């Protein structure tokens, strides 16, 4: 498995995170405040410049009020196609 931040799976996760944030009506700044992080933390994730750890993903999902599985599903779909 490659460590690149620009794999299809990582791109799918990034898109799912952006879509969920926008659907929740939160700005990057508002999400960052709820995470007790800087806006640049959220921006780096959304720009694909930073990986998201599992604990962070669960925390983001809770703040956005979406099941973590909904954020992971697009990644699973991409990986399933590669089989």
PDB file of N, CA and C in Angstrom:
ATOM      1  N   UNK A   1       0.845  -1.166   0.000  1.00  0.00           N
ATOM      2  CA  UNK A   1       0.000   0.000   0.000  1.00  0.00           C
ATOM      3  C   UNK A   1       0.898   1.238   0.000  1.00  0.00           C
ATOM      4  N   UNK A   2       0.549   2.186  -0.841  1.00  0.00           N
ATOM      5  CA  UNK A   2       1.327   3.410  -0.962  1.00  0.00           C
ATOM      6  C   UNK A   2       1.021   4.376   0.178  1.00  0.00           C
ATOM      7  N   UNK A   3       1.979   5.222   0.503  1.00  0.00           N
ATOM      8  CA  UNK A   3       1.785   6.187   1.583  1.00  0.00           C
ATOM      9  C   UNK A   3       1.388   7.558   1.052  1.00  0.00           C
ATOM     10  N   UNK A   4       1.146   7.666  -0.227  1.00  0.00           N
ATOM     11  CA  UNK A   4       0.790   8.947  -0.827  1.00  0.00           C
ATOM     12  C   UNK A   4      -0.521   9.485  -0.258  1.00  0.00           C
ATOM     13  N   UNK A   5      -0.586  10.800  -0.162  1.00  0.00           N
ATOM     14  CA  UNK A   5      -1.817  11.443   0.275  1.00  0.00           C
ATOM     15  C   UNK A   5      -2.784  11.621  -0.881  1.00  0.00           C
ATOM     16  N   UNK A   6      -2.384  11.278  -2.075  1.00  0.00           N
ATOM     17  CA  UNK A   6      -3.221  11.499  -3.249  1.00  0.00           C
ATOM     18  C   UNK A   6      -3.709  10.192  -3.880  1.00  0.00           C
ATOM     19  N   UNK A   7      -3.850   9.160  -3.082  1.00  0.00           N
ATOM     20  CA  UNK A   7      -4.413   7.915  -3.601  1.00  0.00           C
ATOM     21  C   UNK A   7      -5.905   8.104  -3.829  1.00  0.00           C
ATOM     22  N   UNK A   8      -6.491   7.230  -4.614  1.00  0.00           N
ATOM     23  CA  UNK A   8      -7.937   7.312  -4.861  1.00  0.00           C
ATOM     24  C   UNK A   8      -8.732   7.220  -3.563  1.00  0.00           C
ATOM     25  N   UNK A   9      -8.303   6.357  -2.675  1.00  0.00           N
ATOM     26  CA  UNK A   9      -8.994   6.198  -1.401  1.00  0.00           C
ATOM     27  C   UNK A   9      -8.917   7.456  -0.550  1.00  0.00           C
ATOM     28  N   UNK A  10      -7.754   8.052  -0.500  1.00  0.00           N
ATOM     29  CA  UNK A  10      -7.594   9.273   0.287  1.00  0.00           C
ATOM     30  C   UNK A  10      -8.394  10.416  -0.320  1.00  0.00           C
ATOM     31  N   UNK A  11      -8.409  10.510  -1.623  1.00  0.00           N
ATOM     32  CA  UNK A  11      -9.198  11.544  -2.304  1.00  0.00           C
ATOM     33  C   UNK A  11     -10.692  11.345  -2.004  1.00  0.00           C
ATOM     34  N   UNK A  12     -11.140  10.098  -1.998  1.00  0.00           N
ATOM     35  CA  UNK A  12     -12.550   9.804  -1.693  1.00  0.00           C
ATOM     36  C   UNK A  12     -12.892  10.213  -0.260  1.00  0.00           C
ATOM     37  N   UNK A  13     -11.985   9.950   0.675  1.00  0.00           N
ATOM     38  CA  UNK A  13     -12.216  10.342   2.065  1.00  0.00           C
ATOM     39  C   UNK A  13     -12.267  11.860   2.193  1.00  0.00           C
ATOM     40  N   UNK A  14     -11.341  12.532   1.551  1.00  0.00           N
ATOM     41  CA  UNK A  14     -11.309  13.990   1.593  1.00  0.00           C
ATOM     42  C   UNK A  14     -12.610  14.573   1.069  1.00  0.00           C
ATOM     43  N   UNK A  15     -13.089  14.053  -0.060  1.00  0.00           N
ATOM     44  CA  UNK A  15     -14.341  14.548  -0.641  1.00  0.00           C
ATOM     45  C   UNK A  15     -15.513  14.295   0.308  1.00  0.00           C
ATOM     46  N   UNK A  16     -15.544  13.112   0.923  1.00  0.00           N
ATOM     47  CA  UNK A  16     -16.623  12.788   1.856  1.00  0.00           C
ATOM     48  C   UNK A  16     -16.610  13.743   3.054  1.00  0.00           C
ATOM     49  N   UNK A  17     -15.427  14.072   3.540  1.00  0.00           N
ATOM     50  CA  UNK A  17     -15.314  14.997   4.665  1.00  0.00           C
ATOM     51  C   UNK A  17     -15.792  16.398   4.283  1.00  0.00           C
ATOM     52  N   UNK A  18     -15.384  16.861   3.115  1.00  0.00           N
ATOM     53  CA  UNK A  18     -15.799  18.191   2.654  1.00  0.00           C
ATOM     54  C   UNK A  18     -17.315  18.232   2.467  1.00  0.00           C
ATOM     55  N   UNK A  19     -17.843  17.214   1.801  1.00  0.00           N
ATOM     56  CA  UNK A  19     -19.294  17.162   1.554  1.00  0.00           C
ATOM     57  C   UNK A  19     -20.072  17.147   2.869  1.00  0.00           C
ATOM     58  N   UNK A  20     -19.606  16.365   3.840  1.00  0.00           N
ATOM     59  CA  UNK A  20     -20.290  16.270   5.129  1.00  0.00           C
ATOM     60  C   UNK A  20     -20.213  17.596   5.883  1.00  0.00           C
ATOM     61  N   UNK A  21     -19.067  18.244   5.827  1.00  0.00           N
ATOM     62  CA  UNK A  21     -18.938  19.535   6.507  1.00  0.00           C
ATOM     63  C   UNK A  21     -19.884  20.563   5.901  1.00  0.00           C
ATOM     64  N   UNK A  22     -19.896  20.622   4.573  1.00  0.00           N
ATOM     65  CA  UNK A  22     -20.776  21.584   3.903  1.00  0.00           C
ATOM     66  C   UNK A  22     -22.246  21.269   4.171  1.00  0.00           C
ATOM     67  N   UNK A  23     -22.609  19.992   4.159  1.00  0.00           N
ATOM     68  CA  UNK A  23     -23.997  19.592   4.421  1.00  0.00           C
ATOM     69  C   UNK A  23     -24.414  19.958   5.841  1.00  0.00           C
ATOM     70  N   UNK A  24     -23.460  19.955   6.747  1.00  0.00           N
ATOM     71  CA  UNK A  24     -23.758  20.318   8.134  1.00  0.00           C
ATOM     72  C   UNK A  24     -23.903  21.823   8.308  1.00  0.00           C
ATOM     73  N   UNK A  25     -23.491  22.585   7.300  1.00  0.00           N
ATOM     74  CA  UNK A  25     -23.588  24.037   7.373  1.00  0.00           C
ATOM     75  C   UNK A  25     -22.440  24.698   8.112  1.00  0.00           C
ATOM     76  N   UNK A  26     -21.394  23.929   8.394  1.00  0.00           N
ATOM     77  CA  UNK A  26     -20.246  24.490   9.111  1.00  0.00           C
ATOM     78  C   UNK A  26     -19.171  24.977   8.149  1.00  0.00           C
ATOM     79  N   UNK A  27     -18.513  26.048   8.524  1.00  0.00           N
ATOM     80  CA  UNK A  27     -17.333  26.495   7.795  1.00  0.00           C
ATOM     81  C   UNK A  27     -16.123  25.741   8.330  1.00  0.00           C
ATOM     82  N   UNK A  28     -15.017  25.851   7.639  1.00  0.00           N
ATOM     83  CA  UNK A  28     -13.793  25.248   8.157  1.00  0.00           C
ATOM     84  C   UNK A  28     -13.464  25.822   9.526  1.00  0.00           C
ATOM     85  N   UNK A  29     -13.642  27.120   9.680  1.00  0.00           N
ATOM     86  CA  UNK A  29     -13.339  27.790  10.947  1.00  0.00           C
ATOM     87  C   UNK A  29     -14.221  27.258  12.077  1.00  0.00           C
ATOM     88  N   UNK A  30     -15.505  27.061  11.792  1.00  0.00           N
ATOM     89  CA  UNK A  30     -16.420  26.562  12.821  1.00  0.00           C
ATOM     90  C   UNK A  30     -16.092  25.123  13.206  1.00  0.00           C
ATOM     91  N   UNK A  31     -15.780  24.294  12.213  1.00  0.00           N
ATOM     92  CA  UNK A  31     -15.388  22.914  12.508  1.00  0.00           C
ATOM     93  C   UNK A  31     -14.110  22.906  13.328  1.00  0.00           C
ATOM     94  N   UNK A  32     -13.158  23.717  12.928  1.00  0.00           N
ATOM     95  CA  UNK A  32     -11.885  23.796  13.650  1.00  0.00           C
ATOM     96  C   UNK A  32     -12.107  24.204  15.107  1.00  0.00           C
ATOM     97  N   UNK A  33     -12.971  25.169  15.327  1.00  0.00           N
ATOM     98  CA  UNK A  33     -13.246  25.622  16.697  1.00  0.00           C
ATOM     99  C   UNK A  33     -13.825  24.484  17.532  1.00  0.00           C
ATOM    100  N   UNK A  34     -14.723  23.711  16.947  1.00  0.00           N
ATOM    101  CA  UNK A  34     -15.320  22.593  17.683  1.00  0.00           C
ATOM    102  C   UNK A  34     -14.315  21.480  17.952  1.00  0.00           C
ATOM    103  N   UNK A  35     -13.327  21.378  17.061  1.00  0.00           N
ATOM    104  CA  UNK A  35     -12.256  20.394  17.243  1.00  0.00           C
ATOM    105  C   UNK A  35     -11.159  20.908  18.171  1.00  0.00           C
ATOM    106  N   UNK A  36     -11.257  22.196  18.512  1.00  0.00           N
ATOM    107  CA  UNK A  36     -10.208  22.879  19.283  1.00  0.00           C
ATOM    108  C   UNK A  36      -8.877  22.826  18.548  1.00  0.00           C
ATOM    109  N   UNK A  37      -8.964  23.077  17.263  1.00  0.00           N
ATOM    110  CA  UNK A  37      -7.791  23.112  16.386  1.00  0.00           C
ATOM    111  C   UNK A  37      -7.845  24.384  15.559  1.00  0.00           C
ATOM    112  N   UNK A  38      -6.802  24.621  14.797  1.00  0.00           N
ATOM    113  CA  UNK A  38      -6.775  25.802  13.939  1.00  0.00           C
ATOM    114  C   UNK A  38      -7.524  25.525  12.632  1.00  0.00           C
ATOM    115  N   UNK A  39      -7.924  26.592  11.983  1.00  0.00           N
ATOM    116  CA  UNK A  39      -8.584  26.462  10.683  1.00  0.00           C
ATOM    117  C   UNK A  39      -7.643  25.789   9.685  1.00  0.00           C
ATOM    118  N   UNK A  40      -6.346  26.045   9.817  1.00  0.00           N
ATOM    119  CA  UNK A  40      -5.392  25.437   8.890  1.00  0.00           C
ATOM    120  C   UNK A  40      -5.340  23.917   9.046  1.00  0.00           C
ATOM    121  N   UNK A  41      -5.648  23.401  10.226  1.00  0.00           N
ATOM    122  CA  UNK A  41      -5.724  21.958  10.448  1.00  0.00           C
ATOM    123  C   UNK A  41      -6.798  21.353   9.535  1.00  0.00           C
ATOM    124  N   UNK A  42      -7.984  21.972   9.547  1.00  0.00           N
ATOM    125  CA  UNK A  42      -9.086  21.500   8.702  1.00  0.00           C
ATOM    126  C   UNK A  42      -8.741  21.708   7.228  1.00  0.00           C
ATOM    127  N   UNK A  43      -8.182  22.851   6.894  1.00  0.00           N
ATOM    128  CA  UNK A  43      -7.831  23.144   5.502  1.00  0.00           C
ATOM    129  C   UNK A  43      -6.837  22.125   4.962  1.00  0.00           C
ATOM    130  N   UNK A  44      -5.833  21.774   5.751  1.00  0.00           N
ATOM    131  CA  UNK A  44      -4.832  20.799   5.297  1.00  0.00           C
ATOM    132  C   UNK A  44      -5.453  19.429   5.044  1.00  0.00           C
ATOM    133  N   UNK A  45      -6.410  19.050   5.882  1.00  0.00           N
ATOM    134  CA  UNK A  45      -7.115  17.787   5.657  1.00  0.00           C
ATOM    135  C   UNK A  45      -7.890  17.869   4.345  1.00  0.00           C
ATOM    136  N   UNK A  46      -8.641  18.959   4.171  1.00  0.00           N
ATOM    137  CA  UNK A  46      -9.494  19.097   2.982  1.00  0.00           C
ATOM    138  C   UNK A  46      -8.692  19.284   1.698  1.00  0.00           C
ATOM    139  N   UNK A  47      -7.492  19.805   1.808  1.00  0.00           N
ATOM    140  CA  UNK A  47      -6.633  19.963   0.628  1.00  0.00           C
ATOM    141  C   UNK A  47      -5.821  18.696   0.346  1.00  0.00           C
ATOM    142  N   UNK A  48      -5.968  17.698   1.209  1.00  0.00           N
ATOM    143  CA  UNK A  48      -5.232  16.450   1.017  1.00  0.00           C
ATOM    144  C   UNK A  48      -3.775  16.560   1.398  1.00  0.00           C
ATOM    145  N   UNK A  49      -3.451  17.524   2.248  1.00  0.00           N
ATOM    146  CA  UNK A  49      -2.070  17.724   2.675  1.00  0.00           C
ATOM    147  C   UNK A  49      -1.767  17.056   4.009  1.00  0.00           C
ATOM    148  N   UNK A  50      -2.816  16.546   4.648  1.00  0.00           N
ATOM    149  CA  UNK A  50      -2.651  15.916   5.949  1.00  0.00           C
ATOM    150  C   UNK A  50      -3.555  14.702   6.061  1.00  0.00           C
ATOM    151  N   UNK A  51      -3.015  13.629   6.591  1.00  0.00           N
ATOM    152  CA  UNK A  51      -3.806  12.424   6.841  1.00  0.00           C
ATOM    153  C   UNK A  51      -4.710  12.629   8.052  1.00  0.00           C
ATOM    154  N   UNK A  52      -5.797  11.880   8.075  1.00  0.00           N
ATOM    155  CA  UNK A  52      -6.721  11.926   9.204  1.00  0.00           C
ATOM    156  C   UNK A  52      -6.556  10.634   9.989  1.00  0.00           C
ATOM    157  N   UNK A  53      -6.266  10.760  11.265  1.00  0.00           N
ATOM    158  CA  UNK A  53      -6.162   9.582  12.118  1.00  0.00           C
ATOM    159  C   UNK A  53      -7.565   9.083  12.440  1.00  0.00           C
ATOM    160  N   UNK A  54      -7.679   7.828  12.789  1.00  0.00           N
ATOM    161  CA  UNK A  54      -8.988   7.219  13.055  1.00  0.00           C
ATOM    162  C   UNK A  54      -9.729   7.960  14.169  1.00  0.00           C
ATOM    163  N   UNK A  55      -9.048   8.271  15.233  1.00  0.00           N
ATOM    164  CA  UNK A  55      -9.699   8.969  16.355  1.00  0.00           C
ATOM    165  C   UNK A  55     -10.203  10.334  15.884  1.00  0.00           C
ATOM    166  N   UNK A  56      -9.405  11.024  15.072  1.00  0.00           N
ATOM    167  CA  UNK A  56      -9.824  12.321  14.532  1.00  0.00           C
ATOM    168  C   UNK A  56     -11.047  12.164  13.638  1.00  0.00           C
ATOM    169  N   UNK A  57     -11.055  11.114  12.830  1.00  0.00           N
ATOM    170  CA  UNK A  57     -12.176  10.869  11.925  1.00  0.00           C
ATOM    171  C   UNK A  57     -13.474  10.662  12.711  1.00  0.00           C
ATOM    172  N   UNK A  58     -13.400   9.891  13.779  1.00  0.00           N
ATOM    173  CA  UNK A  58     -14.578   9.650  14.609  1.00  0.00           C
ATOM    174  C   UNK A  58     -15.036  10.957  15.251  1.00  0.00           C
ATOM    175  N   UNK A  59     -14.109  11.746  15.730  1.00  0.00           N
ATOM    176  CA  UNK A  59     -14.450  13.021  16.353  1.00  0.00           C
ATOM    177  C   UNK A  59     -15.095  13.968  15.340  1.00  0.00           C
ATOM    178  N   UNK A  60     -14.541  14.040  14.145  1.00  0.00           N
ATOM    179  CA  UNK A  60     -15.108  14.890  13.092  1.00  0.00           C
ATOM    180  C   UNK A  60     -16.517  14.416  12.746  1.00  0.00           C
ATOM    181  N   UNK A  61     -16.695  13.114  12.595  1.00  0.00           N
ATOM    182  CA  UNK A  61     -18.011  12.567  12.263  1.00  0.00           C
ATOM    183  C   UNK A  61     -19.036  12.940  13.332  1.00  0.00           C
ATOM    184  N   UNK A  62     -18.659  12.846  14.574  1.00  0.00           N
ATOM    185  CA  UNK A  62     -19.580  13.199  15.666  1.00  0.00           C
ATOM    186  C   UNK A  62     -19.962  14.673  15.606  1.00  0.00           C
ATOM    187  N   UNK A  63     -18.984  15.531  15.366  1.00  0.00           N
ATOM    188  CA  UNK A  63     -19.261  16.965  15.280  1.00  0.00           C
ATOM    189  C   UNK A  63     -20.179  17.267  14.098  1.00  0.00           C
ATOM    190  N   UNK A  64     -19.954  16.565  12.980  1.00  0.00           N
ATOM    191  CA  UNK A  64     -20.768  16.787  11.783  1.00  0.00           C
ATOM    192  C   UNK A  64     -22.095  16.041  11.850  1.00  0.00           C
ATOM    193  N   UNK A  65     -22.277  15.237  12.887  1.00  0.00           N
ATOM    194  CA  UNK A  65     -23.494  14.465  13.105  1.00  0.00           C
ATOM    195  C   UNK A  65     -23.775  13.491  11.952  1.00  0.00           C
ATOM    196  N   UNK A  66     -22.708  12.798  11.543  1.00  0.00           N
ATOM    197  CA  UNK A  66     -22.847  11.756  10.523  1.00  0.00           C
ATOM    198  C   UNK A  66     -22.180  10.489  11.049  1.00  0.00           C
ATOM    199  N   UNK A  67     -22.694   9.335  10.689  1.00  0.00           N
ATOM    200  CA  UNK A  67     -22.020   8.099  11.088  1.00  0.00           C
ATOM    201  C   UNK A  67     -20.625   8.021  10.462  1.00  0.00           C
ATOM    202  N   UNK A  68     -19.668   7.598  11.234  1.00  0.00           N
ATOM    203  CA  UNK A  68     -18.310   7.447  10.709  1.00  0.00           C
ATOM    204  C   UNK A  68     -18.316   6.549   9.470  1.00  0.00           C
ATOM    205  N   UNK A  69     -19.168   5.555   9.477  1.00  0.00           N
ATOM    206  CA  UNK A  69     -19.259   4.632   8.333  1.00  0.00           C
ATOM    207  C   UNK A  69     -19.620   5.363   7.043  1.00  0.00           C
ATOM    208  N   UNK A  70     -20.398   6.431   7.153  1.00  0.00           N
ATOM    209  CA  UNK A  70     -20.762   7.205   5.954  1.00  0.00           C
ATOM    210  C   UNK A  70     -19.549   7.896   5.348  1.00  0.00           C
ATOM    211  N   UNK A  71     -18.592   8.260   6.175  1.00  0.00           N
ATOM    212  CA  UNK A  71     -17.375   8.892   5.676  1.00  0.00           C
ATOM    213  C   UNK A  71     -16.413   7.866   5.086  1.00  0.00           C
ATOM    214  N   UNK A  72     -16.474   6.655   5.608  1.00  0.00           N
ATOM    215  CA  UNK A  72     -15.582   5.589   5.149  1.00  0.00           C
ATOM    216  C   UNK A  72     -16.128   4.879   3.909  1.00  0.00           C
ATOM    217  N   UNK A  73     -17.420   4.870   3.727  1.00  0.00           N
ATOM    218  CA  UNK A  73     -18.047   4.135   2.614  1.00  0.00           C
ATOM    219  C   UNK A  73     -17.459   4.484   1.244  1.00  0.00           C
ATOM    220  N   UNK A  74     -17.233   5.762   0.932  1.00  0.00           N
ATOM    221  CA  UNK A  74     -16.647   6.065  -0.381  1.00  0.00           C
ATOM    222  C   UNK A  74     -15.238   5.486  -0.554  1.00  0.00           C
ATOM    223  N   UNK A  75     -14.485   5.413   0.531  1.00  0.00           N
ATOM    224  CA  UNK A  75     -13.148   4.814   0.475  1.00  0.00           C
ATOM    225  C   UNK A  75     -13.274   3.321   0.193  1.00  0.00           C
ATOM    226  N   UNK A  76     -14.191   2.660   0.890  1.00  0.00           N
ATOM    227  CA  UNK A  76     -14.416   1.235   0.665  1.00  0.00           C
ATOM    228  C   UNK A  76     -14.838   0.965  -0.769  1.00  0.00           C
ATOM    229  N   UNK A  77     -15.678   1.841  -1.317  1.00  0.00           N
ATOM    230  CA  UNK A  77     -16.131   1.671  -2.707  1.00  0.00           C
ATOM    231  C   UNK A  77     -14.967   1.764  -3.682  1.00  0.00           C
ATOM    232  N   UNK A  78     -14.088   2.713  -3.462  1.00  0.00           N
ATOM    233  CA  UNK A  78     -12.914   2.862  -4.329  1.00  0.00           C
ATOM    234  C   UNK A  78     -12.021   1.636  -4.228  1.00  0.00           C
ATOM    235  N   UNK A  79     -11.781   1.179  -3.027  1.00  0.00           N
ATOM    236  CA  UNK A  79     -10.907   0.017  -2.838  1.00  0.00           C
ATOM    237  C   UNK A  79     -11.540  -1.256  -3.380  1.00  0.00           C
ATOM    238  N   UNK A  80     -12.855  -1.361  -3.314  1.00  0.00           N
ATOM    239  CA  UNK A  80     -13.546  -2.533  -3.833  1.00  0.00           C
ATOM    240  C   UNK A  80     -13.365  -2.630  -5.345  1.00  0.00           C
ATOM    241  N   UNK A  81     -13.386  -1.512  -6.031  1.00  0.00           N
ATOM    242  CA  UNK A  81     -13.206  -1.490  -7.492  1.00  0.00           C
ATOM    243  C   UNK A  81     -11.840  -2.017  -7.902  1.00  0.00           C
ATOM    244  N   UNK A  82     -10.864  -1.854  -7.029  1.00  0.00           N
ATOM    245  CA  UNK A  82      -9.487  -2.239  -7.353  1.00  0.00           C
ATOM    246  C   UNK A  82      -9.257  -3.733  -7.226  1.00  0.00           C
ATOM    247  N   UNK A  83     -10.204  -4.464  -6.687  1.00  0.00           N
ATOM    248  CA  UNK A  83     -10.048  -5.912  -6.501  1.00  0.00           C
ATOM    249  C   UNK A  83     -10.090  -6.661  -7.799  1.00  0.00           C
TER     250      UNK A  83
END
